[in-house]
N, C-alpha and C. Protein backbone atom coordinates (compact mmCIF):
# COMPACT_ATOMS: atom_id res chain seq x y z
N GLN A 1 52.83 -48.23 -1.11
CA GLN A 1 52.93 -46.80 -1.37
C GLN A 1 51.56 -46.19 -1.65
N VAL A 2 50.69 -46.96 -2.30
CA VAL A 2 49.33 -46.50 -2.53
C VAL A 2 48.55 -46.62 -1.23
N GLN A 3 47.84 -45.56 -0.88
CA GLN A 3 47.03 -45.55 0.32
C GLN A 3 45.65 -44.99 0.03
N LEU A 4 44.65 -45.69 0.50
CA LEU A 4 43.26 -45.25 0.44
C LEU A 4 42.74 -45.28 1.87
N VAL A 5 42.42 -44.12 2.41
CA VAL A 5 42.03 -44.01 3.81
C VAL A 5 40.60 -43.54 3.91
N GLU A 6 39.72 -44.42 4.39
CA GLU A 6 38.31 -44.10 4.54
C GLU A 6 38.03 -43.42 5.88
N SER A 7 36.98 -42.63 5.91
CA SER A 7 36.51 -42.03 7.14
C SER A 7 35.02 -41.73 7.00
N GLY A 8 34.37 -41.51 8.13
CA GLY A 8 32.97 -41.12 8.12
C GLY A 8 32.00 -42.20 8.52
N GLY A 9 32.46 -43.42 8.72
CA GLY A 9 31.58 -44.48 9.13
C GLY A 9 31.12 -44.31 10.57
N GLY A 10 30.09 -45.05 10.93
CA GLY A 10 29.56 -44.98 12.28
C GLY A 10 28.17 -45.55 12.36
N LEU A 11 27.51 -45.24 13.47
CA LEU A 11 26.15 -45.71 13.72
C LEU A 11 25.15 -44.64 13.33
N VAL A 12 24.15 -45.04 12.56
CA VAL A 12 23.11 -44.12 12.12
C VAL A 12 21.76 -44.82 12.22
N GLN A 13 20.73 -44.03 12.47
CA GLN A 13 19.39 -44.58 12.59
C GLN A 13 18.78 -44.87 11.22
N PHE A 14 17.80 -45.77 11.22
CA PHE A 14 17.04 -46.05 10.01
C PHE A 14 16.53 -44.76 9.39
N GLY A 15 16.73 -44.60 8.09
CA GLY A 15 16.28 -43.42 7.39
C GLY A 15 17.25 -42.26 7.44
N GLY A 16 18.33 -42.41 8.17
CA GLY A 16 19.29 -41.34 8.32
C GLY A 16 20.26 -41.24 7.16
N SER A 17 21.22 -40.33 7.31
CA SER A 17 22.20 -40.07 6.26
C SER A 17 23.61 -40.13 6.83
N LEU A 18 24.55 -40.42 5.96
CA LEU A 18 25.95 -40.50 6.34
C LEU A 18 26.80 -40.18 5.11
N ARG A 19 27.93 -39.54 5.33
CA ARG A 19 28.84 -39.18 4.26
C ARG A 19 30.20 -39.81 4.51
N LEU A 20 30.61 -40.67 3.60
CA LEU A 20 31.91 -41.31 3.67
C LEU A 20 32.92 -40.57 2.81
N SER A 21 34.16 -40.54 3.26
CA SER A 21 35.24 -39.93 2.51
C SER A 21 36.38 -40.91 2.35
N CYS A 22 37.09 -40.80 1.25
CA CYS A 22 38.27 -41.62 0.99
C CYS A 22 39.36 -40.73 0.43
N ALA A 23 40.43 -40.58 1.19
CA ALA A 23 41.58 -39.79 0.77
C ALA A 23 42.61 -40.72 0.14
N ALA A 24 42.99 -40.42 -1.10
CA ALA A 24 43.92 -41.26 -1.84
C ALA A 24 45.28 -40.60 -1.95
N SER A 25 46.31 -41.42 -1.91
CA SER A 25 47.67 -40.95 -2.13
C SER A 25 48.45 -42.03 -2.85
N GLY A 26 49.51 -41.64 -3.53
CA GLY A 26 50.33 -42.59 -4.25
C GLY A 26 49.80 -42.98 -5.61
N ILE A 27 48.76 -42.30 -6.08
CA ILE A 27 48.20 -42.56 -7.40
C ILE A 27 47.97 -41.24 -8.12
N ILE A 28 47.84 -41.31 -9.44
CA ILE A 28 47.40 -40.14 -10.20
C ILE A 28 45.88 -40.14 -10.12
N PHE A 29 45.36 -39.42 -9.17
CA PHE A 29 43.95 -39.49 -8.83
C PHE A 29 43.04 -39.09 -9.99
N SER A 30 43.43 -38.05 -10.71
CA SER A 30 42.55 -37.49 -11.74
C SER A 30 42.30 -38.44 -12.90
N THR A 31 43.16 -39.43 -13.11
CA THR A 31 42.99 -40.37 -14.20
C THR A 31 42.52 -41.75 -13.73
N SER A 32 42.22 -41.88 -12.45
CA SER A 32 41.85 -43.16 -11.88
C SER A 32 40.34 -43.27 -11.70
N THR A 33 39.83 -44.47 -11.93
CA THR A 33 38.46 -44.77 -11.57
C THR A 33 38.40 -45.04 -10.07
N MET A 34 37.46 -44.42 -9.40
CA MET A 34 37.30 -44.59 -7.96
C MET A 34 35.94 -45.21 -7.67
N GLY A 35 35.83 -45.81 -6.50
CA GLY A 35 34.55 -46.42 -6.17
C GLY A 35 34.46 -46.84 -4.73
N TRP A 36 33.29 -47.38 -4.41
CA TRP A 36 33.01 -47.91 -3.09
C TRP A 36 32.43 -49.31 -3.22
N TYR A 37 32.92 -50.21 -2.41
CA TYR A 37 32.38 -51.54 -2.26
C TYR A 37 32.00 -51.74 -0.80
N ARG A 38 31.20 -52.75 -0.53
CA ARG A 38 30.83 -53.05 0.84
C ARG A 38 30.74 -54.55 1.05
N GLN A 39 30.92 -54.96 2.30
CA GLN A 39 30.86 -56.36 2.65
C GLN A 39 30.17 -56.52 4.00
N ALA A 40 29.05 -57.21 4.00
CA ALA A 40 28.33 -57.53 5.22
C ALA A 40 28.80 -58.88 5.74
N PRO A 41 28.63 -59.14 7.04
CA PRO A 41 29.05 -60.43 7.59
C PRO A 41 28.42 -61.61 6.86
N GLY A 42 29.24 -62.57 6.47
CA GLY A 42 28.75 -63.75 5.79
C GLY A 42 28.42 -63.57 4.32
N LYS A 43 28.69 -62.41 3.78
CA LYS A 43 28.39 -62.13 2.38
C LYS A 43 29.65 -61.71 1.64
N GLN A 44 29.59 -61.82 0.32
CA GLN A 44 30.71 -61.41 -0.52
C GLN A 44 30.75 -59.89 -0.66
N ARG A 45 31.93 -59.38 -0.92
CA ARG A 45 32.07 -57.96 -1.18
C ARG A 45 31.33 -57.62 -2.47
N GLU A 46 30.57 -56.54 -2.45
CA GLU A 46 29.77 -56.16 -3.59
C GLU A 46 29.98 -54.69 -3.96
N LEU A 47 29.79 -54.42 -5.22
CA LEU A 47 29.90 -53.06 -5.73
C LEU A 47 28.79 -52.19 -5.16
N VAL A 48 29.15 -50.98 -4.75
CA VAL A 48 28.18 -49.98 -4.34
C VAL A 48 28.05 -48.92 -5.43
N ALA A 49 29.17 -48.30 -5.79
CA ALA A 49 29.17 -47.25 -6.80
C ALA A 49 30.58 -47.02 -7.30
N THR A 50 30.69 -46.56 -8.54
CA THR A 50 31.97 -46.17 -9.11
C THR A 50 31.82 -44.82 -9.81
N ILE A 51 32.93 -44.13 -9.94
CA ILE A 51 32.97 -42.88 -10.68
C ILE A 51 34.25 -42.86 -11.49
N ALA A 52 34.12 -42.68 -12.79
CA ALA A 52 35.25 -42.67 -13.69
C ALA A 52 35.95 -41.32 -13.67
N SER A 53 37.12 -41.28 -14.30
CA SER A 53 37.88 -40.04 -14.33
C SER A 53 37.12 -38.91 -15.01
N GLY A 54 36.28 -39.25 -15.99
CA GLY A 54 35.49 -38.26 -16.68
C GLY A 54 34.22 -37.87 -15.96
N GLY A 55 33.92 -38.53 -14.84
CA GLY A 55 32.76 -38.16 -14.04
C GLY A 55 31.56 -39.07 -14.17
N SER A 56 31.58 -40.02 -15.09
CA SER A 56 30.45 -40.92 -15.24
C SER A 56 30.35 -41.83 -14.02
N THR A 57 29.14 -42.14 -13.61
CA THR A 57 28.91 -42.92 -12.40
C THR A 57 28.14 -44.20 -12.70
N ASN A 58 28.29 -45.15 -11.80
CA ASN A 58 27.58 -46.41 -11.88
C ASN A 58 27.19 -46.82 -10.47
N TYR A 59 25.94 -47.26 -10.30
CA TYR A 59 25.43 -47.61 -8.99
C TYR A 59 24.82 -49.01 -9.01
N ALA A 60 24.98 -49.70 -7.89
CA ALA A 60 24.26 -50.95 -7.71
C ALA A 60 22.77 -50.66 -7.58
N ASP A 61 21.95 -51.59 -8.06
CA ASP A 61 20.51 -51.39 -8.02
C ASP A 61 19.99 -51.15 -6.61
N ARG A 62 20.60 -51.77 -5.63
CA ARG A 62 20.12 -51.68 -4.25
C ARG A 62 20.34 -50.31 -3.62
N VAL A 63 21.21 -49.49 -4.22
CA VAL A 63 21.49 -48.17 -3.66
C VAL A 63 21.12 -47.04 -4.60
N LYS A 64 20.76 -47.35 -5.82
CA LYS A 64 20.43 -46.33 -6.81
C LYS A 64 19.28 -45.46 -6.32
N GLY A 65 19.46 -44.15 -6.41
CA GLY A 65 18.46 -43.21 -5.95
C GLY A 65 18.64 -42.79 -4.51
N ARG A 66 19.46 -43.51 -3.76
CA ARG A 66 19.68 -43.18 -2.35
C ARG A 66 21.12 -42.72 -2.09
N PHE A 67 22.07 -43.28 -2.84
CA PHE A 67 23.49 -42.96 -2.65
C PHE A 67 24.00 -42.11 -3.80
N THR A 68 24.96 -41.25 -3.52
CA THR A 68 25.59 -40.43 -4.54
C THR A 68 27.10 -40.46 -4.36
N ILE A 69 27.81 -40.83 -5.42
CA ILE A 69 29.26 -40.82 -5.38
C ILE A 69 29.76 -39.57 -6.10
N SER A 70 30.82 -38.99 -5.57
CA SER A 70 31.41 -37.80 -6.16
C SER A 70 32.90 -37.79 -5.90
N ARG A 71 33.62 -36.92 -6.59
CA ARG A 71 35.06 -36.84 -6.40
C ARG A 71 35.52 -35.40 -6.45
N ASP A 72 36.59 -35.11 -5.73
CA ASP A 72 37.22 -33.81 -5.73
C ASP A 72 38.68 -34.04 -6.08
N ASN A 73 39.02 -33.80 -7.33
CA ASN A 73 40.38 -34.08 -7.80
C ASN A 73 41.42 -33.20 -7.12
N ALA A 74 41.04 -31.99 -6.74
CA ALA A 74 41.97 -31.09 -6.07
C ALA A 74 42.36 -31.62 -4.70
N LYS A 75 41.48 -32.40 -4.08
CA LYS A 75 41.74 -32.96 -2.77
C LYS A 75 42.08 -34.44 -2.80
N ASN A 76 42.13 -35.03 -4.00
CA ASN A 76 42.37 -36.47 -4.14
C ASN A 76 41.44 -37.28 -3.25
N THR A 77 40.17 -36.92 -3.27
CA THR A 77 39.20 -37.52 -2.37
C THR A 77 37.94 -37.91 -3.12
N VAL A 78 37.42 -39.08 -2.79
CA VAL A 78 36.14 -39.53 -3.31
C VAL A 78 35.17 -39.64 -2.15
N TYR A 79 33.90 -39.32 -2.40
CA TYR A 79 32.89 -39.29 -1.37
C TYR A 79 31.74 -40.23 -1.71
N LEU A 80 31.03 -40.66 -0.69
CA LEU A 80 29.80 -41.41 -0.86
C LEU A 80 28.77 -40.83 0.09
N GLU A 81 27.79 -40.13 -0.46
CA GLU A 81 26.69 -39.59 0.32
C GLU A 81 25.59 -40.63 0.35
N MET A 82 25.23 -41.06 1.54
CA MET A 82 24.24 -42.11 1.72
C MET A 82 23.02 -41.54 2.42
N ASN A 83 21.88 -41.66 1.78
CA ASN A 83 20.62 -41.18 2.32
C ASN A 83 19.62 -42.32 2.43
N SER A 84 18.58 -42.09 3.22
CA SER A 84 17.52 -43.09 3.42
C SER A 84 18.10 -44.45 3.76
N LEU A 85 19.01 -44.47 4.70
CA LEU A 85 19.72 -45.69 5.04
C LEU A 85 18.80 -46.74 5.65
N LYS A 86 19.08 -47.99 5.31
CA LYS A 86 18.32 -49.13 5.78
C LYS A 86 19.24 -50.07 6.55
N PRO A 87 18.68 -50.90 7.42
CA PRO A 87 19.52 -51.88 8.12
C PRO A 87 20.30 -52.78 7.15
N GLU A 88 19.75 -53.03 5.97
CA GLU A 88 20.43 -53.85 4.98
C GLU A 88 21.70 -53.20 4.44
N ASP A 89 21.87 -51.90 4.68
CA ASP A 89 23.08 -51.20 4.26
C ASP A 89 24.23 -51.40 5.23
N THR A 90 23.97 -52.02 6.36
CA THR A 90 25.02 -52.26 7.35
C THR A 90 26.11 -53.14 6.76
N ALA A 91 27.34 -52.64 6.78
CA ALA A 91 28.47 -53.35 6.19
C ALA A 91 29.74 -52.56 6.43
N VAL A 92 30.86 -53.19 6.14
CA VAL A 92 32.13 -52.49 6.06
C VAL A 92 32.25 -51.94 4.65
N TYR A 93 32.45 -50.66 4.53
CA TYR A 93 32.55 -50.00 3.23
C TYR A 93 34.02 -49.76 2.89
N TYR A 94 34.41 -50.20 1.69
CA TYR A 94 35.79 -50.13 1.25
C TYR A 94 35.94 -49.16 0.08
N CYS A 95 36.92 -48.31 0.17
CA CYS A 95 37.28 -47.44 -0.94
C CYS A 95 38.06 -48.24 -1.97
N TYR A 96 37.84 -47.94 -3.24
CA TYR A 96 38.43 -48.67 -4.35
C TYR A 96 39.05 -47.71 -5.36
N ALA A 97 40.18 -48.10 -5.90
CA ALA A 97 40.82 -47.33 -6.96
C ALA A 97 41.31 -48.27 -8.04
N HIS A 98 41.05 -47.90 -9.28
CA HIS A 98 41.57 -48.61 -10.44
C HIS A 98 42.47 -47.65 -11.20
N ILE A 99 43.76 -47.96 -11.22
CA ILE A 99 44.71 -47.08 -11.88
C ILE A 99 45.12 -47.67 -13.22
N ILE A 100 45.42 -46.79 -14.15
CA ILE A 100 45.82 -47.21 -15.49
C ILE A 100 47.34 -47.29 -15.57
N VAL A 101 47.84 -48.48 -15.89
CA VAL A 101 49.27 -48.69 -16.08
C VAL A 101 49.62 -48.65 -17.56
N ALA A 102 48.79 -49.26 -18.39
CA ALA A 102 48.94 -49.27 -19.83
C ALA A 102 47.55 -49.28 -20.45
N ALA A 103 47.50 -49.24 -21.79
CA ALA A 103 46.23 -49.15 -22.48
C ALA A 103 45.30 -50.31 -22.14
N THR A 104 45.86 -51.49 -21.91
CA THR A 104 45.05 -52.67 -21.61
C THR A 104 45.41 -53.28 -20.26
N HIS A 105 46.03 -52.52 -19.41
CA HIS A 105 46.45 -53.05 -18.12
C HIS A 105 46.22 -52.02 -17.02
N GLY A 106 45.60 -52.47 -15.95
CA GLY A 106 45.38 -51.62 -14.80
C GLY A 106 45.58 -52.40 -13.52
N MET A 107 45.53 -51.71 -12.41
CA MET A 107 45.68 -52.34 -11.10
C MET A 107 44.62 -51.80 -10.14
N ASP A 108 44.16 -52.68 -9.26
CA ASP A 108 43.13 -52.34 -8.29
C ASP A 108 43.71 -52.23 -6.89
N PHE A 109 43.19 -51.28 -6.13
CA PHE A 109 43.59 -51.08 -4.75
C PHE A 109 42.36 -50.85 -3.89
N TRP A 110 42.46 -51.26 -2.63
CA TRP A 110 41.37 -51.09 -1.68
C TRP A 110 41.89 -50.51 -0.38
N GLY A 111 41.03 -49.73 0.27
CA GLY A 111 41.34 -49.25 1.60
C GLY A 111 41.05 -50.31 2.63
N LYS A 112 41.27 -49.98 3.89
CA LYS A 112 41.05 -50.92 4.98
C LYS A 112 39.59 -51.04 5.38
N GLY A 113 38.78 -50.08 5.01
CA GLY A 113 37.36 -50.14 5.26
C GLY A 113 36.92 -49.30 6.45
N THR A 114 35.66 -48.90 6.42
CA THR A 114 35.04 -48.19 7.53
C THR A 114 33.65 -48.79 7.76
N LEU A 115 33.31 -49.02 9.01
CA LEU A 115 32.07 -49.72 9.35
C LEU A 115 30.90 -48.75 9.40
N VAL A 116 29.83 -49.12 8.70
CA VAL A 116 28.57 -48.40 8.74
C VAL A 116 27.52 -49.32 9.34
N THR A 117 26.89 -48.88 10.42
CA THR A 117 25.85 -49.66 11.07
C THR A 117 24.56 -48.85 11.10
N VAL A 118 23.51 -49.43 10.53
CA VAL A 118 22.21 -48.77 10.48
C VAL A 118 21.28 -49.51 11.42
N SER A 119 20.79 -48.82 12.43
CA SER A 119 19.91 -49.44 13.41
C SER A 119 18.50 -49.55 12.88
N SER A 120 17.78 -50.55 13.35
CA SER A 120 16.41 -50.77 12.91
C SER A 120 15.42 -49.96 13.73
């Protein structure tokens, strides 16, 4: 019932920019922590950025200063603005949601992913 649908991936040149979107349904979006993870071939999935319900953000060191995560609660959508892209950013990017079930219990959900390829 929970759905996270990513869009905006594609091929971009070195130094270019790209904006990813994730439309969420089946969750109370305004109280959920949202985020983006990525996975390159042969590597583990890694955190890119998160944004809490109150708006606080967290970024991986490798993207800090280049990527910006934001959310629009009215549209149940989280965004990832990516600037100064490098070939090392090439990966499948996954939308992430952490929903609160109880005070000490939550559940995680992921989208199917969208491919971002940065040419050298």
